[in-house]
Amino acid sequence: MNDNNSTKYRKLLIIISILAFFVTFSCIIHILYRLEQMKKTDSNVSRILAHILMNIQPDQYKSASFDLSSHEGYLRINSASGYFLVSLQNVEPYLDGVKVHIHIGNPIFATYNGFKLKVIWGEKLVLTEDQERWRSSLKEKEISFTETL
């Protein structure tokens, strides 16, 4: 009777070992499947974020507006071939207005032979005023530079 119990015990251990193997194997396959799904999700999220950033960025840096009472810092302007850093250097009275001096930095060190700036100026916007009237009062000029930047 001892041999019979011993045989049953061995059979039970073999069955438990086989079940444990399949459960472990199944868990490993499930974990690998989830990791693969996470990689795909991360890849999709990365693609979506890149798409959003590429679509937002050009509009965010298409122009620079300065408050003439503050000469601190710089602003970024994107172009088709790179970006520039623009800082307000000096504001001085000139005729019936002011003359504004700016610096244009070229942080990517590309050589630009001549360029154009579209400059728009006018009175400071007061939020209580009619914005359409204010917008129509702005003056605009395109200035060409022949220097190398």
N, C-alpha and C. Protein backbone atom coordinates (compact mmCIF):
# COMPACT_ATOMS: atom_id res chain seq x y z
N MET A 1 0.81 -1.17 0.00
CA MET A 1 0.00 0.00 0.00
C MET A 1 0.86 1.25 0.00
N ASN A 2 2.02 1.15 0.51
CA ASN A 2 2.95 2.25 0.52
C ASN A 2 3.41 2.61 -0.88
N ASP A 3 3.65 1.57 -1.70
CA ASP A 3 4.06 1.81 -3.09
C ASP A 3 2.94 2.46 -3.89
N ASN A 4 1.71 2.07 -3.60
CA ASN A 4 0.56 2.61 -4.31
C ASN A 4 0.42 4.11 -3.99
N ASN A 5 0.57 4.51 -2.73
CA ASN A 5 0.51 5.93 -2.33
C ASN A 5 1.68 6.71 -2.94
N SER A 6 2.81 6.09 -2.97
CA SER A 6 3.99 6.72 -3.53
C SER A 6 3.80 6.97 -5.03
N THR A 7 3.21 6.03 -5.73
CA THR A 7 2.96 6.17 -7.16
C THR A 7 1.94 7.28 -7.41
N LYS A 8 0.87 7.29 -6.60
CA LYS A 8 -0.14 8.35 -6.74
C LYS A 8 0.47 9.73 -6.47
N TYR A 9 1.34 9.76 -5.46
CA TYR A 9 1.99 11.02 -5.11
C TYR A 9 2.87 11.51 -6.25
N ARG A 10 3.63 10.59 -6.87
CA ARG A 10 4.49 10.96 -8.02
C ARG A 10 3.66 11.43 -9.19
N LYS A 11 2.55 10.75 -9.47
CA LYS A 11 1.67 11.14 -10.58
C LYS A 11 1.09 12.53 -10.33
N LEU A 12 0.69 12.74 -9.07
CA LEU A 12 0.15 14.05 -8.72
C LEU A 12 1.20 15.15 -8.88
N LEU A 13 2.45 14.89 -8.46
CA LEU A 13 3.54 15.85 -8.64
C LEU A 13 3.81 16.12 -10.11
N ILE A 14 3.77 15.07 -10.93
CA ILE A 14 3.99 15.25 -12.38
C ILE A 14 2.88 16.11 -12.98
N ILE A 15 1.63 15.84 -12.61
CA ILE A 15 0.50 16.62 -13.13
C ILE A 15 0.62 18.08 -12.67
N ILE A 16 0.94 18.27 -11.39
CA ILE A 16 1.09 19.65 -10.88
C ILE A 16 2.25 20.35 -11.59
N SER A 17 3.35 19.65 -11.83
CA SER A 17 4.50 20.24 -12.53
C SER A 17 4.13 20.64 -13.95
N ILE A 18 3.39 19.76 -14.63
CA ILE A 18 2.98 20.06 -16.02
C ILE A 18 2.04 21.27 -16.03
N LEU A 19 1.08 21.29 -15.09
CA LEU A 19 0.16 22.43 -15.01
C LEU A 19 0.92 23.72 -14.70
N ALA A 20 1.86 23.64 -13.77
CA ALA A 20 2.66 24.82 -13.42
C ALA A 20 3.45 25.31 -14.63
N PHE A 21 3.98 24.39 -15.42
CA PHE A 21 4.73 24.75 -16.62
C PHE A 21 3.82 25.49 -17.59
N PHE A 22 2.61 24.95 -17.85
CA PHE A 22 1.71 25.59 -18.80
C PHE A 22 1.19 26.93 -18.30
N VAL A 23 0.93 27.01 -16.99
CA VAL A 23 0.49 28.29 -16.42
C VAL A 23 1.61 29.32 -16.55
N THR A 24 2.84 28.93 -16.21
CA THR A 24 3.98 29.83 -16.32
C THR A 24 4.21 30.24 -17.77
N PHE A 25 4.17 29.26 -18.67
CA PHE A 25 4.37 29.52 -20.10
C PHE A 25 3.29 30.47 -20.61
N SER A 26 2.04 30.23 -20.19
CA SER A 26 0.93 31.08 -20.60
C SER A 26 1.13 32.50 -20.08
N CYS A 27 1.59 32.64 -18.84
CA CYS A 27 1.85 33.97 -18.26
C CYS A 27 2.96 34.68 -19.02
N ILE A 28 3.99 33.95 -19.35
CA ILE A 28 5.11 34.55 -20.10
C ILE A 28 4.63 35.03 -21.46
N ILE A 29 3.83 34.23 -22.15
CA ILE A 29 3.31 34.63 -23.46
C ILE A 29 2.41 35.87 -23.31
N HIS A 30 1.58 35.88 -22.27
CA HIS A 30 0.71 37.03 -22.04
C HIS A 30 1.54 38.29 -21.75
N ILE A 31 2.57 38.16 -20.95
CA ILE A 31 3.44 39.30 -20.64
C ILE A 31 4.13 39.81 -21.90
N LEU A 32 4.63 38.89 -22.73
CA LEU A 32 5.28 39.29 -23.99
C LEU A 32 4.28 40.00 -24.91
N TYR A 33 3.05 39.48 -24.96
CA TYR A 33 2.01 40.08 -25.78
C TYR A 33 1.72 41.50 -25.29
N ARG A 34 1.58 41.69 -23.96
CA ARG A 34 1.31 43.00 -23.40
C ARG A 34 2.46 43.98 -23.66
N LEU A 35 3.70 43.47 -23.56
CA LEU A 35 4.85 44.33 -23.85
C LEU A 35 4.83 44.79 -25.30
N GLU A 36 4.48 43.88 -26.20
CA GLU A 36 4.40 44.24 -27.62
C GLU A 36 3.29 45.28 -27.84
N GLN A 37 2.16 45.10 -27.18
CA GLN A 37 1.06 46.07 -27.29
C GLN A 37 1.50 47.43 -26.74
N MET A 38 2.23 47.42 -25.64
CA MET A 38 2.71 48.68 -25.06
C MET A 38 3.68 49.37 -26.01
N LYS A 39 4.53 48.60 -26.69
CA LYS A 39 5.46 49.21 -27.66
C LYS A 39 4.68 49.88 -28.78
N LYS A 40 3.64 49.17 -29.27
CA LYS A 40 2.83 49.75 -30.34
C LYS A 40 2.13 51.01 -29.86
N THR A 41 1.58 50.96 -28.65
CA THR A 41 0.90 52.13 -28.10
C THR A 41 1.87 53.28 -27.92
N ASP A 42 3.05 53.00 -27.35
CA ASP A 42 4.05 54.05 -27.17
C ASP A 42 4.45 54.64 -28.51
N SER A 43 4.59 53.79 -29.52
CA SER A 43 4.95 54.25 -30.85
C SER A 43 3.85 55.14 -31.42
N ASN A 44 2.59 54.72 -31.24
CA ASN A 44 1.47 55.53 -31.73
C ASN A 44 1.40 56.86 -31.00
N VAL A 45 1.59 56.84 -29.68
CA VAL A 45 1.56 58.07 -28.91
C VAL A 45 2.69 59.00 -29.36
N SER A 46 3.87 58.43 -29.57
CA SER A 46 5.01 59.24 -30.04
C SER A 46 4.71 59.86 -31.39
N ARG A 47 4.12 59.08 -32.29
CA ARG A 47 3.76 59.61 -33.62
C ARG A 47 2.73 60.72 -33.51
N ILE A 48 1.73 60.53 -32.65
CA ILE A 48 0.70 61.55 -32.49
C ILE A 48 1.29 62.83 -31.91
N LEU A 49 2.14 62.69 -30.88
CA LEU A 49 2.77 63.88 -30.29
C LEU A 49 3.65 64.61 -31.30
N ALA A 50 4.42 63.85 -32.08
CA ALA A 50 5.27 64.47 -33.10
C ALA A 50 4.41 65.22 -34.11
N HIS A 51 3.30 64.63 -34.51
CA HIS A 51 2.40 65.27 -35.47
C HIS A 51 1.83 66.57 -34.89
N ILE A 52 1.40 66.51 -33.64
CA ILE A 52 0.85 67.70 -32.99
C ILE A 52 1.91 68.79 -32.89
N LEU A 53 3.11 68.42 -32.45
CA LEU A 53 4.17 69.41 -32.31
C LEU A 53 4.55 70.02 -33.65
N MET A 54 4.60 69.21 -34.70
CA MET A 54 4.97 69.75 -36.01
C MET A 54 3.89 70.68 -36.54
N ASN A 55 2.63 70.41 -36.20
CA ASN A 55 1.56 71.28 -36.68
C ASN A 55 1.38 72.53 -35.85
N ILE A 56 1.73 72.49 -34.58
CA ILE A 56 1.58 73.66 -33.71
C ILE A 56 2.77 74.61 -33.85
N GLN A 57 3.94 74.06 -33.92
CA GLN A 57 5.17 74.85 -33.84
C GLN A 57 5.27 75.97 -34.87
N PRO A 58 4.98 75.73 -36.16
CA PRO A 58 5.16 76.83 -37.12
C PRO A 58 4.34 78.07 -36.79
N ASP A 59 3.10 77.92 -36.34
CA ASP A 59 2.28 79.07 -36.03
C ASP A 59 2.73 79.76 -34.75
N GLN A 60 3.23 78.97 -33.82
CA GLN A 60 3.65 79.53 -32.54
C GLN A 60 4.79 80.53 -32.71
N TYR A 61 5.67 80.30 -33.66
CA TYR A 61 6.86 81.14 -33.82
C TYR A 61 6.90 81.84 -35.17
N LYS A 62 5.75 82.20 -35.72
CA LYS A 62 5.78 82.84 -37.03
C LYS A 62 5.99 84.35 -36.94
N SER A 63 5.87 84.90 -35.73
CA SER A 63 6.10 86.33 -35.57
C SER A 63 6.59 86.61 -34.15
N ALA A 64 7.07 87.83 -33.95
CA ALA A 64 7.54 88.25 -32.63
C ALA A 64 6.95 89.62 -32.35
N SER A 65 6.39 89.80 -31.16
CA SER A 65 5.82 91.09 -30.76
C SER A 65 6.53 91.57 -29.51
N PHE A 66 6.94 92.85 -29.54
CA PHE A 66 7.69 93.40 -28.42
C PHE A 66 6.89 94.49 -27.73
N ASP A 67 7.05 94.55 -26.42
CA ASP A 67 6.55 95.66 -25.62
C ASP A 67 7.72 96.64 -25.54
N LEU A 68 7.57 97.81 -26.09
CA LEU A 68 8.67 98.77 -26.18
C LEU A 68 9.14 99.28 -24.82
N SER A 69 8.36 99.05 -23.79
CA SER A 69 8.79 99.50 -22.46
C SER A 69 9.75 98.51 -21.80
N SER A 70 9.93 97.35 -22.39
CA SER A 70 10.82 96.33 -21.81
C SER A 70 11.81 95.86 -22.86
N HIS A 71 13.08 95.83 -22.52
CA HIS A 71 14.12 95.44 -23.46
C HIS A 71 14.72 94.09 -23.06
N GLU A 72 14.02 93.29 -22.32
CA GLU A 72 14.60 92.06 -21.80
C GLU A 72 14.27 90.86 -22.68
N GLY A 73 15.22 89.92 -22.78
CA GLY A 73 14.99 88.64 -23.42
C GLY A 73 14.99 88.70 -24.93
N TYR A 74 14.59 87.60 -25.50
CA TYR A 74 14.55 87.46 -26.95
C TYR A 74 13.33 86.62 -27.31
N LEU A 75 12.96 86.67 -28.58
CA LEU A 75 11.85 85.87 -29.10
C LEU A 75 12.35 85.07 -30.29
N ARG A 76 11.73 83.96 -30.53
CA ARG A 76 12.11 83.07 -31.63
C ARG A 76 11.17 83.29 -32.81
N ILE A 77 11.75 83.27 -34.01
CA ILE A 77 10.97 83.33 -35.25
C ILE A 77 11.43 82.19 -36.14
N ASN A 78 10.48 81.38 -36.61
CA ASN A 78 10.81 80.29 -37.54
C ASN A 78 10.75 80.78 -38.97
N SER A 79 11.61 80.19 -39.80
CA SER A 79 11.55 80.44 -41.24
C SER A 79 11.50 79.07 -41.91
N ALA A 80 11.42 79.07 -43.22
CA ALA A 80 11.37 77.81 -43.95
C ALA A 80 12.68 77.03 -43.82
N SER A 81 13.77 77.71 -43.52
CA SER A 81 15.07 77.02 -43.49
C SER A 81 15.74 77.03 -42.12
N GLY A 82 15.05 77.44 -41.08
CA GLY A 82 15.65 77.45 -39.75
C GLY A 82 14.90 78.40 -38.84
N TYR A 83 15.56 78.82 -37.80
CA TYR A 83 14.93 79.78 -36.90
C TYR A 83 15.93 80.85 -36.48
N PHE A 84 15.38 81.97 -36.01
CA PHE A 84 16.19 83.11 -35.61
C PHE A 84 15.75 83.56 -34.22
N LEU A 85 16.66 84.22 -33.51
CA LEU A 85 16.34 84.81 -32.23
C LEU A 85 16.39 86.32 -32.39
N VAL A 86 15.33 86.99 -31.98
CA VAL A 86 15.20 88.43 -32.16
C VAL A 86 15.08 89.07 -30.78
N SER A 87 15.89 90.12 -30.57
CA SER A 87 15.80 90.83 -29.29
C SER A 87 15.69 92.33 -29.56
N LEU A 88 14.97 92.99 -28.69
CA LEU A 88 14.80 94.44 -28.75
C LEU A 88 15.99 95.07 -28.04
N GLN A 89 16.74 95.92 -28.74
CA GLN A 89 17.96 96.49 -28.17
C GLN A 89 17.78 97.91 -27.67
N ASN A 90 17.08 98.73 -28.45
CA ASN A 90 16.98 100.13 -28.07
C ASN A 90 15.73 100.74 -28.70
N VAL A 91 15.14 101.66 -27.98
CA VAL A 91 14.02 102.45 -28.50
C VAL A 91 14.35 103.90 -28.22
N GLU A 92 14.33 104.73 -29.28
CA GLU A 92 14.65 106.16 -29.11
C GLU A 92 13.64 107.01 -29.85
N PRO A 93 13.37 108.20 -29.34
CA PRO A 93 12.43 109.09 -30.03
C PRO A 93 12.93 109.42 -31.44
N TYR A 94 11.99 109.46 -32.39
CA TYR A 94 12.37 109.76 -33.77
C TYR A 94 11.17 110.45 -34.44
N LEU A 95 11.38 111.69 -34.90
CA LEU A 95 10.32 112.49 -35.50
C LEU A 95 9.08 112.47 -34.61
N ASP A 96 7.93 111.99 -35.12
CA ASP A 96 6.73 111.98 -34.28
C ASP A 96 6.44 110.58 -33.73
N GLY A 97 7.47 109.73 -33.67
CA GLY A 97 7.31 108.37 -33.15
C GLY A 97 8.57 107.90 -32.46
N VAL A 98 8.94 106.68 -32.71
CA VAL A 98 10.16 106.11 -32.13
C VAL A 98 10.90 105.31 -33.19
N LYS A 99 12.20 105.16 -32.96
CA LYS A 99 13.04 104.30 -33.79
C LYS A 99 13.39 103.08 -32.92
N VAL A 100 13.23 101.90 -33.49
CA VAL A 100 13.44 100.66 -32.75
C VAL A 100 14.64 99.94 -33.33
N HIS A 101 15.56 99.53 -32.46
CA HIS A 101 16.74 98.77 -32.88
C HIS A 101 16.59 97.34 -32.37
N ILE A 102 16.77 96.39 -33.27
CA ILE A 102 16.68 94.98 -32.87
C ILE A 102 17.95 94.25 -33.27
N HIS A 103 18.23 93.16 -32.61
CA HIS A 103 19.30 92.24 -33.01
C HIS A 103 18.63 90.96 -33.49
N ILE A 104 19.18 90.41 -34.57
CA ILE A 104 18.69 89.14 -35.09
C ILE A 104 19.82 88.14 -34.96
N GLY A 105 19.58 87.12 -34.17
CA GLY A 105 20.58 86.08 -33.95
C GLY A 105 20.31 84.89 -34.85
N ASN A 106 21.40 84.23 -35.26
CA ASN A 106 21.33 83.08 -36.15
C ASN A 106 21.95 81.87 -35.43
N PRO A 107 21.21 81.22 -34.54
CA PRO A 107 21.81 80.16 -33.71
C PRO A 107 22.19 78.90 -34.47
N ILE A 108 21.69 78.72 -35.70
CA ILE A 108 22.06 77.50 -36.44
C ILE A 108 23.27 77.73 -37.33
N PHE A 109 23.80 78.94 -37.34
CA PHE A 109 25.02 79.30 -38.06
C PHE A 109 24.96 79.03 -39.56
N ALA A 110 23.76 79.01 -40.13
CA ALA A 110 23.64 78.93 -41.58
C ALA A 110 23.92 80.32 -42.14
N THR A 111 24.37 80.39 -43.39
CA THR A 111 24.65 81.68 -44.02
C THR A 111 23.44 82.09 -44.85
N TYR A 112 22.92 83.27 -44.55
CA TYR A 112 21.79 83.82 -45.29
C TYR A 112 22.30 85.07 -45.99
N ASN A 113 22.24 85.06 -47.29
CA ASN A 113 22.68 86.21 -48.08
C ASN A 113 21.46 87.06 -48.42
N GLY A 114 21.19 88.01 -47.57
CA GLY A 114 20.04 88.88 -47.76
C GLY A 114 18.78 88.24 -47.20
N PHE A 115 17.88 89.08 -46.74
CA PHE A 115 16.61 88.60 -46.21
C PHE A 115 15.64 89.77 -46.15
N LYS A 116 14.38 89.45 -45.91
CA LYS A 116 13.34 90.47 -45.80
C LYS A 116 12.64 90.32 -44.46
N LEU A 117 12.28 91.46 -43.89
CA LEU A 117 11.49 91.49 -42.67
C LEU A 117 10.18 92.21 -42.96
N LYS A 118 9.10 91.63 -42.51
CA LYS A 118 7.81 92.31 -42.58
C LYS A 118 7.58 92.90 -41.20
N VAL A 119 7.53 94.23 -41.13
CA VAL A 119 7.42 94.93 -39.86
C VAL A 119 6.02 95.56 -39.77
N ILE A 120 5.37 95.32 -38.66
CA ILE A 120 4.04 95.90 -38.41
C ILE A 120 4.12 96.65 -37.09
N TRP A 121 3.58 97.88 -37.04
CA TRP A 121 3.63 98.66 -35.81
C TRP A 121 2.37 99.48 -35.65
N GLY A 122 2.19 99.94 -34.44
CA GLY A 122 1.03 100.77 -34.15
C GLY A 122 0.88 100.98 -32.66
N GLU A 123 -0.22 101.58 -32.28
CA GLU A 123 -0.52 101.82 -30.88
C GLU A 123 -0.70 100.49 -30.16
N LYS A 124 -0.44 100.51 -28.87
CA LYS A 124 -0.65 99.32 -28.06
C LYS A 124 -2.14 99.01 -27.99
N LEU A 125 -2.49 97.75 -28.10
CA LEU A 125 -3.89 97.33 -28.04
C LEU A 125 -4.40 97.47 -26.62
N VAL A 126 -5.53 98.14 -26.49
CA VAL A 126 -6.24 98.23 -25.21
C VAL A 126 -7.45 97.32 -25.36
N LEU A 127 -7.59 96.37 -24.46
CA LEU A 127 -8.61 95.34 -24.61
C LEU A 127 -10.03 95.89 -24.61
N THR A 128 -10.24 97.07 -24.08
CA THR A 128 -11.60 97.64 -24.06
C THR A 128 -11.95 98.31 -25.39
N GLU A 129 -10.98 98.49 -26.26
CA GLU A 129 -11.22 99.15 -27.55
C GLU A 129 -11.68 98.13 -28.60
N ASP A 130 -12.19 98.66 -29.70
CA ASP A 130 -12.60 97.84 -30.83
C ASP A 130 -11.36 97.28 -31.52
N GLN A 131 -11.22 95.96 -31.51
CA GLN A 131 -10.01 95.34 -32.06
C GLN A 131 -9.92 95.48 -33.57
N GLU A 132 -11.03 95.50 -34.27
CA GLU A 132 -10.99 95.66 -35.73
C GLU A 132 -10.50 97.06 -36.09
N ARG A 133 -10.95 98.06 -35.36
CA ARG A 133 -10.48 99.43 -35.61
C ARG A 133 -8.99 99.54 -35.32
N TRP A 134 -8.56 98.92 -34.20
CA TRP A 134 -7.13 98.93 -33.86
C TRP A 134 -6.33 98.23 -34.95
N ARG A 135 -6.78 97.05 -35.41
CA ARG A 135 -6.06 96.29 -36.44
C ARG A 135 -5.95 97.09 -37.74
N SER A 136 -7.00 97.80 -38.09
CA SER A 136 -6.95 98.59 -39.34
C SER A 136 -6.04 99.81 -39.20
N SER A 137 -5.72 100.23 -37.96
CA SER A 137 -4.85 101.38 -37.75
C SER A 137 -3.36 101.01 -37.81
N LEU A 138 -3.04 99.74 -37.83
CA LEU A 138 -1.63 99.33 -37.84
C LEU A 138 -0.97 99.69 -39.17
N LYS A 139 0.31 100.00 -39.11
CA LYS A 139 1.10 100.31 -40.30
C LYS A 139 2.00 99.11 -40.58
N GLU A 140 2.33 98.94 -41.85
CA GLU A 140 3.12 97.76 -42.24
C GLU A 140 4.12 98.15 -43.31
N LYS A 141 5.30 97.50 -43.24
CA LYS A 141 6.34 97.76 -44.24
C LYS A 141 7.22 96.51 -44.36
N GLU A 142 7.63 96.21 -45.59
CA GLU A 142 8.59 95.13 -45.80
C GLU A 142 9.96 95.76 -46.04
N ILE A 143 10.93 95.31 -45.26
CA ILE A 143 12.28 95.87 -45.33
C ILE A 143 13.23 94.79 -45.85
N SER A 144 13.98 95.12 -46.89
CA SER A 144 14.96 94.18 -47.45
C SER A 144 16.35 94.49 -46.95
N PHE A 145 17.08 93.44 -46.62
CA PHE A 145 18.46 93.56 -46.19
C PHE A 145 19.34 92.79 -47.15
N THR A 146 20.46 93.37 -47.52
CA THR A 146 21.37 92.70 -48.45
C THR A 146 22.58 92.11 -47.75
N GLU A 147 22.68 92.39 -46.45
CA GLU A 147 23.83 91.88 -45.68
C GLU A 147 23.73 90.36 -45.50
N THR A 148 24.87 89.79 -45.15
CA THR A 148 24.92 88.36 -44.84
C THR A 148 24.62 88.17 -43.36
N LEU A 149 23.75 87.25 -43.09
CA LEU A 149 23.40 86.97 -41.69
C LEU A 149 23.91 85.60 -41.33
